[in-house]
Amino acid sequence: MAGGKLIVFSAPSGSGKTTIVRYLLEREELNLKFSVSATSRAARGEEKDGEDYYFIDLKNFKQHIKSGDFLEWEEVYRDNFYGTLKAEVERIWALGKNVIFDIDVVGGLRIKKKFPKKTLAVFVKPPSIDELKIRLKKRKTESEERINMRIAKASVELATAPQFDYIIKNDDLDTALLEAKQLVSNFIANNDLSEEE
C-alpha cells in the first residue's frame, strides 16, 4: 500500500471529533477524503450504506477479518464490530487524496502503528467527563444506560491520549477547529516521508 497521508482523529464519544473532521473535510486545500468505516451493526435512522458506514452482517464481517481485508478492526461491544477496510484506503489514495479517519482510540493507534510516518494521530479531549456526559445527554439519542457505558469507556480512552501525536482539548470549538486545521496543514505540507508498507 502506497499513497497519500493518513489523518486519524480519535476521542471519546461526545468530544467533538466528528464536528472537527467535518470542518476539515470542507477545507479543499487539505485534499482530504473521509474513510468510511465498516460495521456489523444494522443501519440506524437515516444512515446510508457506503456513506455513513459499510454495513456488513456479522458473519461476513468475521469472514473479512479471516481474509485479512481490514487495516484495523475491533469488537467495540459484544458482536458489534467496527473496522477500516484496506480497499477503502486504497480507493481514496487512488483518487490522489489524503485519508481522514473518525475512529475509536484502539483503531486509531493501530493505524499509527502500521504507518508511523504516514499517519498523524490526533486525540480530541473533552473539557471534562462531566461535560462529556452533558453533551451525550443533549444528543437525546441514547438511553441513560448506554450513556453510562460510553462514560465508562471514555475514562479508559482518556488514558490512551498520551500515545497520540497531539492532543487537542476541545474547551472552545472555534479554537479546536483552528488548531486541528493548522496541525493537519503542517503535516500534509511536510513531505519528508520514507516509503512504508
C-alpha atoms as a PDB file:
ATOM      1  CA  MET A   1       0.000   0.000   0.000  1.00  0.00           C
ATOM      2  CA  ALA A   2       1.432   3.339  -1.060  1.00  0.00           C
ATOM      3  CA  GLY A   3      -0.277   6.681  -1.387  1.00  0.00           C
ATOM      4  CA  GLY A   4      -1.231   9.810   0.497  1.00  0.00           C
ATOM      5  CA  LYS A   5      -1.219  10.554   4.181  1.00  0.00           C
ATOM      6  CA  LEU A   6      -3.446   9.240   6.938  1.00  0.00           C
ATOM      7  CA  ILE A   7      -5.054  11.658   9.384  1.00  0.00           C
ATOM      8  CA  VAL A   8      -6.589   9.962  12.414  1.00  0.00           C
ATOM      9  CA  PHE A   9      -8.984  11.690  14.805  1.00  0.00           C
ATOM     10  CA  SER A  10      -9.947   9.669  17.867  1.00  0.00           C
ATOM     11  CA  ALA A  11     -11.783  10.614  21.032  1.00  0.00           C
ATOM     12  CA  PRO A  12     -14.404   9.508  23.490  1.00  0.00           C
ATOM     13  CA  SER A  13     -17.931   9.790  22.089  1.00  0.00           C
ATOM     14  CA  GLY A  14     -19.192  13.363  22.532  1.00  0.00           C
ATOM     15  CA  SER A  15     -15.775  15.067  22.461  1.00  0.00           C
ATOM     16  CA  GLY A  16     -16.478  16.839  19.164  1.00  0.00           C
ATOM     17  CA  LYS A  17     -14.205  14.856  16.872  1.00  0.00           C
ATOM     18  CA  THR A  18     -16.902  14.370  14.204  1.00  0.00           C
ATOM     19  CA  THR A  19     -17.532  18.142  14.096  1.00  0.00           C
ATOM     20  CA  ILE A  20     -13.782  18.747  13.693  1.00  0.00           C
ATOM     21  CA  VAL A  21     -13.456  16.102  10.953  1.00  0.00           C
ATOM     22  CA  ARG A  22     -16.421  17.590   9.025  1.00  0.00           C
ATOM     23  CA  TYR A  23     -14.841  21.044   9.259  1.00  0.00           C
ATOM     24  CA  LEU A  24     -11.512  19.744   7.913  1.00  0.00           C
ATOM     25  CA  LEU A  25     -13.221  17.925   5.028  1.00  0.00           C
ATOM     26  CA  GLU A  26     -14.660  21.279   3.894  1.00  0.00           C
ATOM     27  CA  ARG A  27     -11.142  22.807   3.639  1.00  0.00           C
ATOM     28  CA  GLU A  28     -10.382  21.970  -0.010  1.00  0.00           C
ATOM     29  CA  GLU A  29      -6.693  22.913   0.304  1.00  0.00           C
ATOM     30  CA  LEU A  30      -6.162  19.929   2.637  1.00  0.00           C
ATOM     31  CA  ASN A  31      -7.229  17.481  -0.119  1.00  0.00           C
ATOM     32  CA  LEU A  32      -8.946  15.117   2.340  1.00  0.00           C
ATOM     33  CA  LYS A  33     -11.417  12.302   1.797  1.00  0.00           C
ATOM     34  CA  PHE A  34     -13.310  10.605   4.600  1.00  0.00           C
ATOM     35  CA  SER A  35     -12.633   6.923   5.257  1.00  0.00           C
ATOM     36  CA  VAL A  36     -15.993   5.195   5.677  1.00  0.00           C
ATOM     37  CA  SER A  37     -15.740   2.523   8.378  1.00  0.00           C
ATOM     38  CA  ALA A  38     -17.346  -0.891   8.181  1.00  0.00           C
ATOM     39  CA  THR A  39     -19.634  -2.116  10.966  1.00  0.00           C
ATOM     40  CA  SER A  40     -21.501  -5.291  11.786  1.00  0.00           C
ATOM     41  CA  ARG A  41     -24.404  -3.370  13.308  1.00  0.00           C
ATOM     42  CA  ALA A  42     -27.573  -2.517  11.400  1.00  0.00           C
ATOM     43  CA  ALA A  43     -28.140   0.944   9.958  1.00  0.00           C
ATOM     44  CA  ARG A  44     -29.878   3.436  12.267  1.00  0.00           C
ATOM     45  CA  GLY A  45     -32.428   6.008  11.155  1.00  0.00           C
ATOM     46  CA  GLU A  46     -31.281   7.882   8.061  1.00  0.00           C
ATOM     47  CA  GLU A  47     -27.876   6.173   7.780  1.00  0.00           C
ATOM     48  CA  LYS A  48     -26.847   5.170   4.266  1.00  0.00           C
ATOM     49  CA  ASP A  49     -24.644   2.228   3.300  1.00  0.00           C
ATOM     50  CA  GLY A  50     -21.337   3.373   1.807  1.00  0.00           C
ATOM     51  CA  GLU A  51     -21.850   6.904   3.111  1.00  0.00           C
ATOM     52  CA  ASP A  52     -22.151   6.664   6.900  1.00  0.00           C
ATOM     53  CA  TYR A  53     -20.770   3.112   7.177  1.00  0.00           C
ATOM     54  CA  TYR A  54     -20.371  -0.034   5.139  1.00  0.00           C
ATOM     55  CA  PHE A  55     -22.973  -2.223   6.810  1.00  0.00           C
ATOM     56  CA  ILE A  56     -21.730  -5.827   6.756  1.00  0.00           C
ATOM     57  CA  ASP A  57     -23.571  -8.541   8.643  1.00  0.00           C
ATOM     58  CA  LEU A  58     -21.731 -10.307  11.472  1.00  0.00           C
ATOM     59  CA  LYS A  59     -20.958 -13.498   9.516  1.00  0.00           C
ATOM     60  CA  ASN A  60     -19.465 -11.610   6.560  1.00  0.00           C
ATOM     61  CA  PHE A  61     -17.600  -9.219   8.861  1.00  0.00           C
ATOM     62  CA  LYS A  62     -15.884 -12.185  10.526  1.00  0.00           C
ATOM     63  CA  GLN A  63     -15.076 -13.592   7.068  1.00  0.00           C
ATOM     64  CA  HIS A  64     -13.405 -10.289   6.099  1.00  0.00           C
ATOM     65  CA  ILE A  65     -11.338 -10.500   9.312  1.00  0.00           C
ATOM     66  CA  LYS A  66     -10.206 -14.042   8.413  1.00  0.00           C
ATOM     67  CA  SER A  67      -9.319 -12.917   4.881  1.00  0.00           C
ATOM     68  CA  GLY A  68      -7.140 -10.048   6.212  1.00  0.00           C
ATOM     69  CA  ASP A  69      -9.262  -7.401   4.470  1.00  0.00           C
ATOM     70  CA  PHE A  70      -9.060  -4.916   7.348  1.00  0.00           C
ATOM     71  CA  LEU A  71      -6.375  -2.353   8.093  1.00  0.00           C
ATOM     72  CA  GLU A  72      -7.736  -2.407  11.660  1.00  0.00           C
ATOM     73  CA  TRP A  73     -10.822  -3.761  13.364  1.00  0.00           C
ATOM     74  CA  GLU A  74     -12.233  -4.103  16.844  1.00  0.00           C
ATOM     75  CA  GLU A  75     -15.153  -5.685  18.656  1.00  0.00           C
ATOM     76  CA  VAL A  76     -16.343  -2.487  20.358  1.00  0.00           C
ATOM     77  CA  TYR A  77     -19.255  -4.124  22.172  1.00  0.00           C
ATOM     78  CA  ARG A  78     -20.213  -7.805  22.088  1.00  0.00           C
ATOM     79  CA  ASP A  79     -20.874  -8.885  18.455  1.00  0.00           C
ATOM     80  CA  ASN A  80     -20.611  -5.236  17.468  1.00  0.00           C
ATOM     81  CA  PHE A  81     -17.580  -4.896  15.196  1.00  0.00           C
ATOM     82  CA  TYR A  82     -16.091  -1.824  13.538  1.00  0.00           C
ATOM     83  CA  GLY A  83     -13.153  -1.666  11.173  1.00  0.00           C
ATOM     84  CA  THR A  84     -11.362   0.003   8.273  1.00  0.00           C
ATOM     85  CA  LEU A  85     -11.249  -1.943   5.013  1.00  0.00           C
ATOM     86  CA  LYS A  86      -7.899  -1.795   3.199  1.00  0.00           C
ATOM     87  CA  ALA A  87      -9.874  -1.351  -0.034  1.00  0.00           C
ATOM     88  CA  GLU A  88     -11.403   1.877   1.327  1.00  0.00           C
ATOM     89  CA  VAL A  89      -7.980   3.443   1.975  1.00  0.00           C
ATOM     90  CA  GLU A  90      -6.687   2.260  -1.425  1.00  0.00           C
ATOM     91  CA  ARG A  91      -9.794   3.723  -3.111  1.00  0.00           C
ATOM     92  CA  ILE A  92      -9.104   7.148  -1.553  1.00  0.00           C
ATOM     93  CA  TRP A  93      -5.389   7.045  -2.346  1.00  0.00           C
ATOM     94  CA  ALA A  94      -6.266   6.162  -5.969  1.00  0.00           C
ATOM     95  CA  LEU A  95      -8.187   9.462  -6.096  1.00  0.00           C
ATOM     96  CA  GLY A  96      -4.949  11.243  -5.091  1.00  0.00           C
ATOM     97  CA  LYS A  97      -6.364  12.277  -1.722  1.00  0.00           C
ATOM     98  CA  ASN A  98      -5.235  12.104   1.914  1.00  0.00           C
ATOM     99  CA  VAL A  99      -7.374   9.869   4.113  1.00  0.00           C
ATOM    100  CA  ILE A 100      -9.083  11.247   7.231  1.00  0.00           C
ATOM    101  CA  PHE A 101     -10.485   8.905   9.888  1.00  0.00           C
ATOM    102  CA  ASP A 102     -13.023   9.476  12.644  1.00  0.00           C
ATOM    103  CA  ILE A 103     -12.437   6.280  14.627  1.00  0.00           C
ATOM    104  CA  ASP A 104     -12.098   4.964  18.156  1.00  0.00           C
ATOM    105  CA  VAL A 105      -8.787   5.128  20.014  1.00  0.00           C
ATOM    106  CA  VAL A 106      -7.853   1.456  19.535  1.00  0.00           C
ATOM    107  CA  GLY A 107      -8.323   1.651  15.761  1.00  0.00           C
ATOM    108  CA  GLY A 108      -6.536   4.991  15.583  1.00  0.00           C
ATOM    109  CA  LEU A 109      -3.481   3.676  17.411  1.00  0.00           C
ATOM    110  CA  ARG A 110      -3.392   0.530  15.241  1.00  0.00           C
ATOM    111  CA  ILE A 111      -3.248   2.639  12.072  1.00  0.00           C
ATOM    112  CA  LYS A 112      -0.494   4.790  13.611  1.00  0.00           C
ATOM    113  CA  LYS A 113       1.476   1.644  14.480  1.00  0.00           C
ATOM    114  CA  LYS A 114       1.154   0.244  10.935  1.00  0.00           C
ATOM    115  CA  PHE A 115       2.070   3.525   9.206  1.00  0.00           C
ATOM    116  CA  PRO A 116       4.068   5.523  11.778  1.00  0.00           C
ATOM    117  CA  LYS A 117       5.451   8.132   9.348  1.00  0.00           C
ATOM    118  CA  LYS A 118       2.380   8.452   7.120  1.00  0.00           C
ATOM    119  CA  THR A 119      -0.056   8.926  10.000  1.00  0.00           C
ATOM    120  CA  LEU A 120      -0.932  11.959  12.079  1.00  0.00           C
ATOM    121  CA  ALA A 121      -2.843  10.682  15.126  1.00  0.00           C
ATOM    122  CA  VAL A 122      -4.835  13.342  16.993  1.00  0.00           C
ATOM    123  CA  PHE A 123      -6.753  12.800  20.220  1.00  0.00           C
ATOM    124  CA  VAL A 124      -9.650  15.161  20.910  1.00  0.00           C
ATOM    125  CA  LYS A 125     -10.069  15.643  24.632  1.00  0.00           C
ATOM    126  CA  PRO A 126     -13.322  16.860  26.182  1.00  0.00           C
ATOM    127  CA  PRO A 127     -13.069  19.604  28.844  1.00  0.00           C
ATOM    128  CA  SER A 128     -14.115  17.039  31.483  1.00  0.00           C
ATOM    129  CA  ILE A 129     -16.032  13.781  31.979  1.00  0.00           C
ATOM    130  CA  ASP A 130     -18.927  15.823  33.421  1.00  0.00           C
ATOM    131  CA  GLU A 131     -19.067  17.987  30.304  1.00  0.00           C
ATOM    132  CA  LEU A 132     -18.961  14.841  28.173  1.00  0.00           C
ATOM    133  CA  LYS A 133     -21.999  13.447  29.995  1.00  0.00           C
ATOM    134  CA  ILE A 134     -23.889  16.730  29.427  1.00  0.00           C
ATOM    135  CA  ARG A 135     -23.074  16.630  25.695  1.00  0.00           C
ATOM    136  CA  LEU A 136     -24.178  12.999  25.358  1.00  0.00           C
ATOM    137  CA  LYS A 137     -27.466  13.720  27.164  1.00  0.00           C
ATOM    138  CA  LYS A 138     -28.111  16.747  24.906  1.00  0.00           C
ATOM    139  CA  ARG A 139     -27.982  14.481  21.839  1.00  0.00           C
ATOM    140  CA  LYS A 140     -31.088  12.641  23.123  1.00  0.00           C
ATOM    141  CA  THR A 141     -30.146   9.630  21.004  1.00  0.00           C
ATOM    142  CA  GLU A 142     -29.332   7.065  23.704  1.00  0.00           C
ATOM    143  CA  SER A 143     -30.631   5.618  26.936  1.00  0.00           C
ATOM    144  CA  GLU A 144     -29.166   6.509  30.341  1.00  0.00           C
ATOM    145  CA  GLU A 145     -27.616   3.026  30.476  1.00  0.00           C
ATOM    146  CA  ARG A 146     -25.924   3.500  27.088  1.00  0.00           C
ATOM    147  CA  ILE A 147     -24.644   6.948  28.136  1.00  0.00           C
ATOM    148  CA  ASN A 148     -23.157   5.437  31.309  1.00  0.00           C
ATOM    149  CA  MET A 149     -21.460   2.743  29.177  1.00  0.00           C
ATOM    150  CA  ARG A 150     -19.957   5.473  26.979  1.00  0.00           C
ATOM    151  CA  ILE A 151     -18.772   7.447  30.032  1.00  0.00           C
ATOM    152  CA  ALA A 152     -17.093   4.340  31.487  1.00  0.00           C
ATOM    153  CA  LYS A 153     -15.420   3.714  28.108  1.00  0.00           C
ATOM    154  CA  ALA A 154     -14.372   7.397  27.908  1.00  0.00           C
ATOM    155  CA  SER A 155     -12.364   7.122  31.140  1.00  0.00           C
ATOM    156  CA  VAL A 156     -10.370   4.236  29.634  1.00  0.00           C
ATOM    157  CA  GLU A 157      -9.955   6.078  26.316  1.00  0.00           C
ATOM    158  CA  LEU A 158      -8.694   9.250  28.025  1.00  0.00           C
ATOM    159  CA  ALA A 159      -5.819   7.207  29.474  1.00  0.00           C
ATOM    160  CA  THR A 160      -4.589   6.491  25.897  1.00  0.00           C
ATOM    161  CA  ALA A 161      -4.308  10.199  24.969  1.00  0.00           C
ATOM    162  CA  PRO A 162      -0.502  10.399  25.577  1.00  0.00           C
ATOM    163  CA  GLN A 163       0.035   7.691  22.907  1.00  0.00           C
ATOM    164  CA  PHE A 164      -1.227  10.059  20.198  1.00  0.00           C
ATOM    165  CA  ASP A 165       0.922  12.585  18.302  1.00  0.00           C
ATOM    166  CA  TYR A 166      -1.188  15.510  19.500  1.00  0.00           C
ATOM    167  CA  ILE A 167      -3.962  16.204  21.969  1.00  0.00           C
ATOM    168  CA  ILE A 168      -6.498  18.919  21.168  1.00  0.00           C
ATOM    169  CA  LYS A 169      -8.504  19.975  24.209  1.00  0.00           C
ATOM    170  CA  ASN A 170     -11.961  20.913  22.956  1.00  0.00           C
ATOM    171  CA  ASP A 171     -12.961  23.607  25.512  1.00  0.00           C
ATOM    172  CA  ASP A 172     -13.749  26.101  22.781  1.00  0.00           C
ATOM    173  CA  LEU A 173     -14.832  24.699  19.405  1.00  0.00           C
ATOM    174  CA  ASP A 174     -13.520  27.587  17.255  1.00  0.00           C
ATOM    175  CA  THR A 175     -10.074  27.294  18.840  1.00  0.00           C
ATOM    176  CA  ALA A 176     -10.110  23.489  18.441  1.00  0.00           C
ATOM    177  CA  LEU A 177     -11.063  23.793  14.748  1.00  0.00           C
ATOM    178  CA  LEU A 178      -8.225  26.219  14.019  1.00  0.00           C
ATOM    179  CA  GLU A 179      -5.737  24.104  15.947  1.00  0.00           C
ATOM    180  CA  ALA A 180      -6.811  20.981  14.027  1.00  0.00           C
ATOM    181  CA  LYS A 181      -6.561  22.767  10.659  1.00  0.00           C
ATOM    182  CA  GLN A 182      -3.040  24.031  11.471  1.00  0.00           C
ATOM    183  CA  LEU A 183      -1.869  20.578  12.605  1.00  0.00           C
ATOM    184  CA  VAL A 184      -3.212  18.811   9.517  1.00  0.00           C
ATOM    185  CA  SER A 185      -1.983  21.522   7.146  1.00  0.00           C
ATOM    186  CA  ASN A 186       1.568  21.337   8.577  1.00  0.00           C
ATOM    187  CA  PHE A 187       1.578  17.534   8.468  1.00  0.00           C
ATOM    188  CA  ILE A 188       0.435  17.405   4.832  1.00  0.00           C
ATOM    189  CA  ALA A 189       2.969  20.066   3.824  1.00  0.00           C
ATOM    190  CA  ASN A 190       5.836  18.019   5.306  1.00  0.00           C
ATOM    191  CA  ASN A 191       6.937  15.687   2.508  1.00  0.00           C
ATOM    192  CA  ASP A 192       9.739  14.002   4.413  1.00  0.00           C
ATOM    193  CA  LEU A 193       8.261  10.503   4.172  1.00  0.00           C
ATOM    194  CA  SER A 194      10.083   7.247   3.718  1.00  0.00           C
ATOM    195  CA  GLU A 195       8.067   4.555   1.977  1.00  0.00           C
ATOM    196  CA  GLU A 196       6.203   2.319   4.367  1.00  0.00           C
ATOM    197  CA  GLU A 197       4.389  -0.916   3.734  1.00  0.00           C
END
